Amino acid sequence: MPLTIIHERWKCIGCGSCVAVDPDRWVMADDNFADLKESTHTKVPEGTRETRDVEDVGMSQEAADICPVNCIHVKKK
């Protein structure tokens, strides 16, 4: 099922929980905030939004569920 992972990067606090549960899709960047691997970066008024289309959910829902600031979302396309 096609899905889109959305990361509202401006909300990220750099806790690394997404990287811990889903290292295939997440990495800590040089600025100590999470980055969604292979994503498209879009500037929005609040900051940077990262999006990535995927075919399977993998551990992405767990990453979204564990995020303490609710900045990761998994949406059906």
PDB file of N, CA and C in Angstrom:
ATOM      1  N   MET A   1       0.847  -1.173   0.000  1.00  0.00           N
ATOM      2  CA  MET A   1       0.000   0.000   0.000  1.00  0.00           C
ATOM      3  C   MET A   1       0.901   1.247   0.000  1.00  0.00           C
ATOM      4  N   PRO A   2       0.760   2.137  -0.959  1.00  0.00           N
ATOM      5  CA  PRO A   2       1.584   3.341  -1.004  1.00  0.00           C
ATOM      6  C   PRO A   2       1.300   4.279   0.175  1.00  0.00           C
ATOM      7  N   LEU A   3       2.378   4.759   0.780  1.00  0.00           N
ATOM      8  CA  LEU A   3       2.286   5.635   1.935  1.00  0.00           C
ATOM      9  C   LEU A   3       3.235   6.806   1.764  1.00  0.00           C
ATOM     10  N   THR A   4       2.970   7.864   2.496  1.00  0.00           N
ATOM     11  CA  THR A   4       3.890   8.989   2.558  1.00  0.00           C
ATOM     12  C   THR A   4       4.274   9.201   4.017  1.00  0.00           C
ATOM     13  N   ILE A   5       5.583   9.299   4.257  1.00  0.00           N
ATOM     14  CA  ILE A   5       6.089   9.644   5.577  1.00  0.00           C
ATOM     15  C   ILE A   5       6.349  11.147   5.555  1.00  0.00           C
ATOM     16  N   ILE A   6       5.843  11.827   6.548  1.00  0.00           N
ATOM     17  CA  ILE A   6       6.007  13.281   6.648  1.00  0.00           C
ATOM     18  C   ILE A   6       6.738  13.585   7.950  1.00  0.00           C
ATOM     19  N   HIS A   7       7.788  14.386   7.840  1.00  0.00           N
ATOM     20  CA  HIS A   7       8.548  14.805   9.022  1.00  0.00           C
ATOM     21  C   HIS A   7       8.515  16.328   9.108  1.00  0.00           C
ATOM     22  N   GLU A   8       7.877  16.829  10.137  1.00  0.00           N
ATOM     23  CA  GLU A   8       7.838  18.263  10.392  1.00  0.00           C
ATOM     24  C   GLU A   8       9.109  18.599  11.182  1.00  0.00           C
ATOM     25  N   ARG A   9      10.196  18.783  10.438  1.00  0.00           N
ATOM     26  CA  ARG A   9      11.525  18.868  11.047  1.00  0.00           C
ATOM     27  C   ARG A   9      11.657  20.009  12.035  1.00  0.00           C
ATOM     28  N   TRP A  10      10.942  21.086  11.865  1.00  0.00           N
ATOM     29  CA  TRP A  10      11.038  22.235  12.770  1.00  0.00           C
ATOM     30  C   TRP A  10      10.575  21.891  14.180  1.00  0.00           C
ATOM     31  N   LYS A  11       9.814  20.817  14.333  1.00  0.00           N
ATOM     32  CA  LYS A  11       9.353  20.398  15.656  1.00  0.00           C
ATOM     33  C   LYS A  11      10.329  19.443  16.343  1.00  0.00           C
ATOM     34  N   CYS A  12      11.269  18.882  15.593  1.00  0.00           N
ATOM     35  CA  CYS A  12      12.188  17.869  16.101  1.00  0.00           C
ATOM     36  C   CYS A  12      13.026  18.425  17.244  1.00  0.00           C
ATOM     37  N   ILE A  13      13.188  17.609  18.306  1.00  0.00           N
ATOM     38  CA  ILE A  13      14.019  18.008  19.439  1.00  0.00           C
ATOM     39  C   ILE A  13      15.328  17.226  19.471  1.00  0.00           C
ATOM     40  N   GLY A  14      15.535  16.340  18.507  1.00  0.00           N
ATOM     41  CA  GLY A  14      16.792  15.605  18.411  1.00  0.00           C
ATOM     42  C   GLY A  14      16.952  14.480  19.415  1.00  0.00           C
ATOM     43  N   CYS A  15      15.859  13.896  19.869  1.00  0.00           N
ATOM     44  CA  CYS A  15      15.956  12.835  20.876  1.00  0.00           C
ATOM     45  C   CYS A  15      16.492  11.520  20.299  1.00  0.00           C
ATOM     46  N   GLY A  16      16.330  11.315  18.988  1.00  0.00           N
ATOM     47  CA  GLY A  16      16.861  10.125  18.333  1.00  0.00           C
ATOM     48  C   GLY A  16      16.002   8.880  18.435  1.00  0.00           C
ATOM     49  N   SER A  17      14.799   8.999  18.946  1.00  0.00           N
ATOM     50  CA  SER A  17      13.955   7.807  19.081  1.00  0.00           C
ATOM     51  C   SER A  17      13.604   7.201  17.723  1.00  0.00           C
ATOM     52  N   CYS A  18      13.387   8.036  16.715  1.00  0.00           N
ATOM     53  CA  CYS A  18      13.065   7.520  15.376  1.00  0.00           C
ATOM     54  C   CYS A  18      14.244   6.735  14.799  1.00  0.00           C
ATOM     55  N   VAL A  19      15.452   7.219  15.018  1.00  0.00           N
ATOM     56  CA  VAL A  19      16.656   6.534  14.540  1.00  0.00           C
ATOM     57  C   VAL A  19      16.818   5.202  15.265  1.00  0.00           C
ATOM     58  N   ALA A  20      16.506   5.179  16.544  1.00  0.00           N
ATOM     59  CA  ALA A  20      16.643   3.954  17.338  1.00  0.00           C
ATOM     60  C   ALA A  20      15.705   2.848  16.855  1.00  0.00           C
ATOM     61  N   VAL A  21      14.462   3.200  16.489  1.00  0.00           N
ATOM     62  CA  VAL A  21      13.502   2.171  16.081  1.00  0.00           C
ATOM     63  C   VAL A  21      13.485   1.918  14.576  1.00  0.00           C
ATOM     64  N   ASP A  22      13.970   2.880  13.770  1.00  0.00           N
ATOM     65  CA  ASP A  22      13.902   2.736  12.309  1.00  0.00           C
ATOM     66  C   ASP A  22      15.162   3.300  11.636  1.00  0.00           C
ATOM     67  N   PRO A  23      16.334   2.704  11.907  1.00  0.00           N
ATOM     68  CA  PRO A  23      17.575   3.234  11.336  1.00  0.00           C
ATOM     69  C   PRO A  23      17.668   3.095   9.820  1.00  0.00           C
ATOM     70  N   ASP A  24      16.819   2.282   9.216  1.00  0.00           N
ATOM     71  CA  ASP A  24      16.821   2.162   7.755  1.00  0.00           C
ATOM     72  C   ASP A  24      16.285   3.429   7.094  1.00  0.00           C
ATOM     73  N   ARG A  25      15.447   4.183   7.802  1.00  0.00           N
ATOM     74  CA  ARG A  25      14.820   5.374   7.211  1.00  0.00           C
ATOM     75  C   ARG A  25      15.199   6.679   7.893  1.00  0.00           C
ATOM     76  N   TRP A  26      15.855   6.606   9.049  1.00  0.00           N
ATOM     77  CA  TRP A  26      16.168   7.823   9.803  1.00  0.00           C
ATOM     78  C   TRP A  26      17.635   7.877  10.167  1.00  0.00           C
ATOM     79  N   VAL A  27      18.167   9.092  10.232  1.00  0.00           N
ATOM     80  CA  VAL A  27      19.559   9.333  10.610  1.00  0.00           C
ATOM     81  C   VAL A  27      19.614  10.654  11.368  1.00  0.00           C
ATOM     82  N   MET A  28      20.572  10.767  12.293  1.00  0.00           N
ATOM     83  CA  MET A  28      20.794  12.037  12.963  1.00  0.00           C
ATOM     84  C   MET A  28      21.711  12.868  12.080  1.00  0.00           C
ATOM     85  N   ALA A  29      21.302  14.083  11.777  1.00  0.00           N
ATOM     86  CA  ALA A  29      22.061  14.980  10.911  1.00  0.00           C
ATOM     87  C   ALA A  29      23.157  15.690  11.721  1.00  0.00           C
ATOM     88  N   ASP A  30      24.004  16.414  11.012  1.00  0.00           N
ATOM     89  CA  ASP A  30      25.104  17.141  11.646  1.00  0.00           C
ATOM     90  C   ASP A  30      24.623  18.189  12.650  1.00  0.00           C
ATOM     91  N   ASP A  31      23.390  18.672  12.484  1.00  0.00           N
ATOM     92  CA  ASP A  31      22.859  19.667  13.424  1.00  0.00           C
ATOM     93  C   ASP A  31      22.157  19.026  14.621  1.00  0.00           C
ATOM     94  N   ASN A  32      22.307  17.688  14.761  1.00  0.00           N
ATOM     95  CA  ASN A  32      21.757  16.921  15.887  1.00  0.00           C
ATOM     96  C   ASN A  32      20.240  16.796  15.886  1.00  0.00           C
ATOM     97  N   PHE A  33      19.625  16.968  14.713  1.00  0.00           N
ATOM     98  CA  PHE A  33      18.201  16.707  14.555  1.00  0.00           C
ATOM     99  C   PHE A  33      18.038  15.571  13.566  1.00  0.00           C
ATOM    100  N   ALA A  34      16.897  14.904  13.612  1.00  0.00           N
ATOM    101  CA  ALA A  34      16.660  13.750  12.744  1.00  0.00           C
ATOM    102  C   ALA A  34      16.408  14.177  11.304  1.00  0.00           C
ATOM    103  N   ASP A  35      16.853  13.336  10.389  1.00  0.00           N
ATOM    104  CA  ASP A  35      16.570  13.490   8.963  1.00  0.00           C
ATOM    105  C   ASP A  35      15.966  12.201   8.443  1.00  0.00           C
ATOM    106  N   LEU A  36      14.958  12.352   7.615  1.00  0.00           N
ATOM    107  CA  LEU A  36      14.335  11.227   6.931  1.00  0.00           C
ATOM    108  C   LEU A  36      15.160  10.934   5.684  1.00  0.00           C
ATOM    109  N   LYS A  37      15.762   9.773   5.637  1.00  0.00           N
ATOM    110  CA  LYS A  37      16.616   9.408   4.507  1.00  0.00           C
ATOM    111  C   LYS A  37      15.825   9.402   3.201  1.00  0.00           C
ATOM    112  N   GLU A  38      16.491   9.783   2.114  1.00  0.00           N
ATOM    113  CA  GLU A  38      15.918   9.750   0.766  1.00  0.00           C
ATOM    114  C   GLU A  38      14.614  10.535   0.672  1.00  0.00           C
ATOM    115  N   SER A  39      14.549  11.650   1.378  1.00  0.00           N
ATOM    116  CA  SER A  39      13.317  12.441   1.397  1.00  0.00           C
ATOM    117  C   SER A  39      13.472  13.708   0.575  1.00  0.00           C
ATOM    118  N   THR A  40      12.320  14.280   0.259  1.00  0.00           N
ATOM    119  CA  THR A  40      12.253  15.581  -0.401  1.00  0.00           C
ATOM    120  C   THR A  40      12.092  16.636   0.679  1.00  0.00           C
ATOM    121  N   HIS A  41      12.910  17.679   0.624  1.00  0.00           N
ATOM    122  CA  HIS A  41      12.846  18.764   1.609  1.00  0.00           C
ATOM    123  C   HIS A  41      12.095  19.941   0.994  1.00  0.00           C
ATOM    124  N   THR A  42      11.078  20.410   1.718  1.00  0.00           N
ATOM    125  CA  THR A  42      10.280  21.542   1.266  1.00  0.00           C
ATOM    126  C   THR A  42      10.290  22.606   2.352  1.00  0.00           C
ATOM    127  N   LYS A  43      10.590  23.828   1.964  1.00  0.00           N
ATOM    128  CA  LYS A  43      10.536  24.939   2.916  1.00  0.00           C
ATOM    129  C   LYS A  43       9.085  25.388   3.061  1.00  0.00           C
ATOM    130  N   VAL A  44       8.632  25.460   4.296  1.00  0.00           N
ATOM    131  CA  VAL A  44       7.305  25.965   4.632  1.00  0.00           C
ATOM    132  C   VAL A  44       7.510  27.094   5.642  1.00  0.00           C
ATOM    133  N   PRO A  45       6.503  27.902   5.916  1.00  0.00           N
ATOM    134  CA  PRO A  45       6.697  29.031   6.835  1.00  0.00           C
ATOM    135  C   PRO A  45       7.297  28.620   8.193  1.00  0.00           C
ATOM    136  N   GLU A  46       6.952  27.439   8.681  1.00  0.00           N
ATOM    137  CA  GLU A  46       7.424  26.997   9.990  1.00  0.00           C
ATOM    138  C   GLU A  46       8.874  26.513   9.968  1.00  0.00           C
ATOM    139  N   GLY A  47       9.337  26.020   8.807  1.00  0.00           N
ATOM    140  CA  GLY A  47      10.678  25.448   8.711  1.00  0.00           C
ATOM    141  C   GLY A  47      10.777  24.505   7.526  1.00  0.00           C
ATOM    142  N   THR A  48      11.339  23.325   7.764  1.00  0.00           N
ATOM    143  CA  THR A  48      11.523  22.340   6.696  1.00  0.00           C
ATOM    144  C   THR A  48      10.615  21.140   6.913  1.00  0.00           C
ATOM    145  N   ARG A  49       9.911  20.761   5.853  1.00  0.00           N
ATOM    146  CA  ARG A  49       9.088  19.548   5.860  1.00  0.00           C
ATOM    147  C   ARG A  49       9.790  18.535   4.957  1.00  0.00           C
ATOM    148  N   GLU A  50       9.987  17.328   5.479  1.00  0.00           N
ATOM    149  CA  GLU A  50      10.570  16.244   4.698  1.00  0.00           C
ATOM    150  C   GLU A  50       9.464  15.245   4.374  1.00  0.00           C
ATOM    151  N   THR A  51       9.438  14.769   3.146  1.00  0.00           N
ATOM    152  CA  THR A  51       8.457  13.758   2.757  1.00  0.00           C
ATOM    153  C   THR A  51       9.152  12.660   1.971  1.00  0.00           C
ATOM    154  N   ARG A  52       8.647  11.462   2.138  1.00  0.00           N
ATOM    155  CA  ARG A  52       9.165  10.308   1.408  1.00  0.00           C
ATOM    156  C   ARG A  52       8.017   9.345   1.146  1.00  0.00           C
ATOM    157  N   ASP A  53       7.863   8.960  -0.120  1.00  0.00           N
ATOM    158  CA  ASP A  53       6.872   7.959  -0.488  1.00  0.00           C
ATOM    159  C   ASP A  53       7.498   6.579  -0.353  1.00  0.00           C
ATOM    160  N   VAL A  54       6.750   5.652   0.244  1.00  0.00           N
ATOM    161  CA  VAL A  54       7.211   4.283   0.448  1.00  0.00           C
ATOM    162  C   VAL A  54       6.094   3.307   0.093  1.00  0.00           C
ATOM    163  N   GLU A  55       6.469   2.089  -0.180  1.00  0.00           N
ATOM    164  CA  GLU A  55       5.481   1.054  -0.503  1.00  0.00           C
ATOM    165  C   GLU A  55       5.015   0.288   0.729  1.00  0.00           C
ATOM    166  N   ASP A  56       5.882   0.198   1.740  1.00  0.00           N
ATOM    167  CA  ASP A  56       5.492  -0.537   2.946  1.00  0.00           C
ATOM    168  C   ASP A  56       5.792   0.319   4.171  1.00  0.00           C
ATOM    169  N   VAL A  57       5.052   0.090   5.212  1.00  0.00           N
ATOM    170  CA  VAL A  57       5.168   0.908   6.413  1.00  0.00           C
ATOM    171  C   VAL A  57       6.461   0.623   7.165  1.00  0.00           C
ATOM    172  N   GLY A  58       6.975  -0.597   7.082  1.00  0.00           N
ATOM    173  CA  GLY A  58       8.195  -0.936   7.812  1.00  0.00           C
ATOM    174  C   GLY A  58       8.046  -0.555   9.280  1.00  0.00           C
ATOM    175  N   MET A  59       9.042   0.123   9.812  1.00  0.00           N
ATOM    176  CA  MET A  59       9.004   0.563  11.207  1.00  0.00           C
ATOM    177  C   MET A  59       8.593   2.033  11.330  1.00  0.00           C
ATOM    178  N   SER A  60       8.103   2.602  10.229  1.00  0.00           N
ATOM    179  CA  SER A  60       7.768   4.027  10.221  1.00  0.00           C
ATOM    180  C   SER A  60       6.647   4.383  11.190  1.00  0.00           C
ATOM    181  N   GLN A  61       5.654   3.536  11.328  1.00  0.00           N
ATOM    182  CA  GLN A  61       4.566   3.841  12.272  1.00  0.00           C
ATOM    183  C   GLN A  61       5.081   3.817  13.703  1.00  0.00           C
ATOM    184  N   GLU A  62       5.993   2.881  14.009  1.00  0.00           N
ATOM    185  CA  GLU A  62       6.580   2.842  15.339  1.00  0.00           C
ATOM    186  C   GLU A  62       7.376   4.115  15.610  1.00  0.00           C
ATOM    187  N   ALA A  63       8.123   4.587  14.593  1.00  0.00           N
ATOM    188  CA  ALA A  63       8.884   5.833  14.744  1.00  0.00           C
ATOM    189  C   ALA A  63       7.939   6.994  15.028  1.00  0.00           C
ATOM    190  N   ALA A  64       6.822   7.040  14.319  1.00  0.00           N
ATOM    191  CA  ALA A  64       5.832   8.100  14.535  1.00  0.00           C
ATOM    192  C   ALA A  64       5.218   7.991  15.933  1.00  0.00           C
ATOM    193  N   ASP A  65       4.890   6.773  16.344  1.00  0.00           N
ATOM    194  CA  ASP A  65       4.245   6.566  17.636  1.00  0.00           C
ATOM    195  C   ASP A  65       5.160   6.918  18.811  1.00  0.00           C
ATOM    196  N   ILE A  66       6.464   6.671  18.656  1.00  0.00           N
ATOM    197  CA  ILE A  66       7.401   6.889  19.754  1.00  0.00           C
ATOM    198  C   ILE A  66       7.898   8.331  19.837  1.00  0.00           C
ATOM    199  N   CYS A  67       7.702   9.111  18.789  1.00  0.00           N
ATOM    200  CA  CYS A  67       8.194  10.491  18.751  1.00  0.00           C
ATOM    201  C   CYS A  67       7.512  11.316  19.852  1.00  0.00           C
ATOM    202  N   PRO A  68       8.305  11.894  20.757  1.00  0.00           N
ATOM    203  CA  PRO A  68       7.682  12.622  21.872  1.00  0.00           C
ATOM    204  C   PRO A  68       7.050  13.957  21.486  1.00  0.00           C
ATOM    205  N   VAL A  69       7.366  14.484  20.300  1.00  0.00           N
ATOM    206  CA  VAL A  69       6.798  15.771  19.896  1.00  0.00           C
ATOM    207  C   VAL A  69       5.850  15.644  18.700  1.00  0.00           C
ATOM    208  N   ASN A  70       5.530  14.412  18.320  1.00  0.00           N
ATOM    209  CA  ASN A  70       4.541  14.145  17.269  1.00  0.00           C
ATOM    210  C   ASN A  70       4.847  14.899  15.970  1.00  0.00           C
ATOM    211  N   CYS A  71       6.103  14.791  15.512  1.00  0.00           N
ATOM    212  CA  CYS A  71       6.480  15.485  14.273  1.00  0.00           C
ATOM    213  C   CYS A  71       6.630  14.531  13.090  1.00  0.00           C
ATOM    214  N   ILE A  72       6.316  13.238  13.292  1.00  0.00           N
ATOM    215  CA  ILE A  72       6.377  12.240  12.227  1.00  0.00           C
ATOM    216  C   ILE A  72       4.967  11.726  11.986  1.00  0.00           C
ATOM    217  N   HIS A  73       4.581  11.684  10.707  1.00  0.00           N
ATOM    218  CA  HIS A  73       3.234  11.233  10.359  1.00  0.00           C
ATOM    219  C   HIS A  73       3.333  10.246   9.190  1.00  0.00           C
ATOM    220  N   VAL A  74       2.529   9.204   9.232  1.00  0.00           N
ATOM    221  CA  VAL A  74       2.454   8.238   8.138  1.00  0.00           C
ATOM    222  C   VAL A  74       1.052   8.319   7.572  1.00  0.00           C
ATOM    223  N   LYS A  75       0.963   8.671   6.296  1.00  0.00           N
ATOM    224  CA  LYS A  75      -0.341   8.886   5.645  1.00  0.00           C
ATOM    225  C   LYS A  75      -0.486   7.956   4.455  1.00  0.00           C
ATOM    226  N   LYS A  76      -1.695   7.451   4.235  1.00  0.00           N
ATOM    227  CA  LYS A  76      -2.002   6.702   3.019  1.00  0.00           C
ATOM    228  C   LYS A  76      -2.044   7.664   1.855  1.00  0.00           C
ATOM    229  N   LYS A  77      -1.542   7.222   0.722  1.00  0.00           N
ATOM    230  CA  LYS A  77      -1.563   8.063  -0.477  1.00  0.00           C
ATOM    231  C   LYS A  77      -2.911   8.018  -1.134  1.00  0.00           C
TER     232      LYS A  77
END
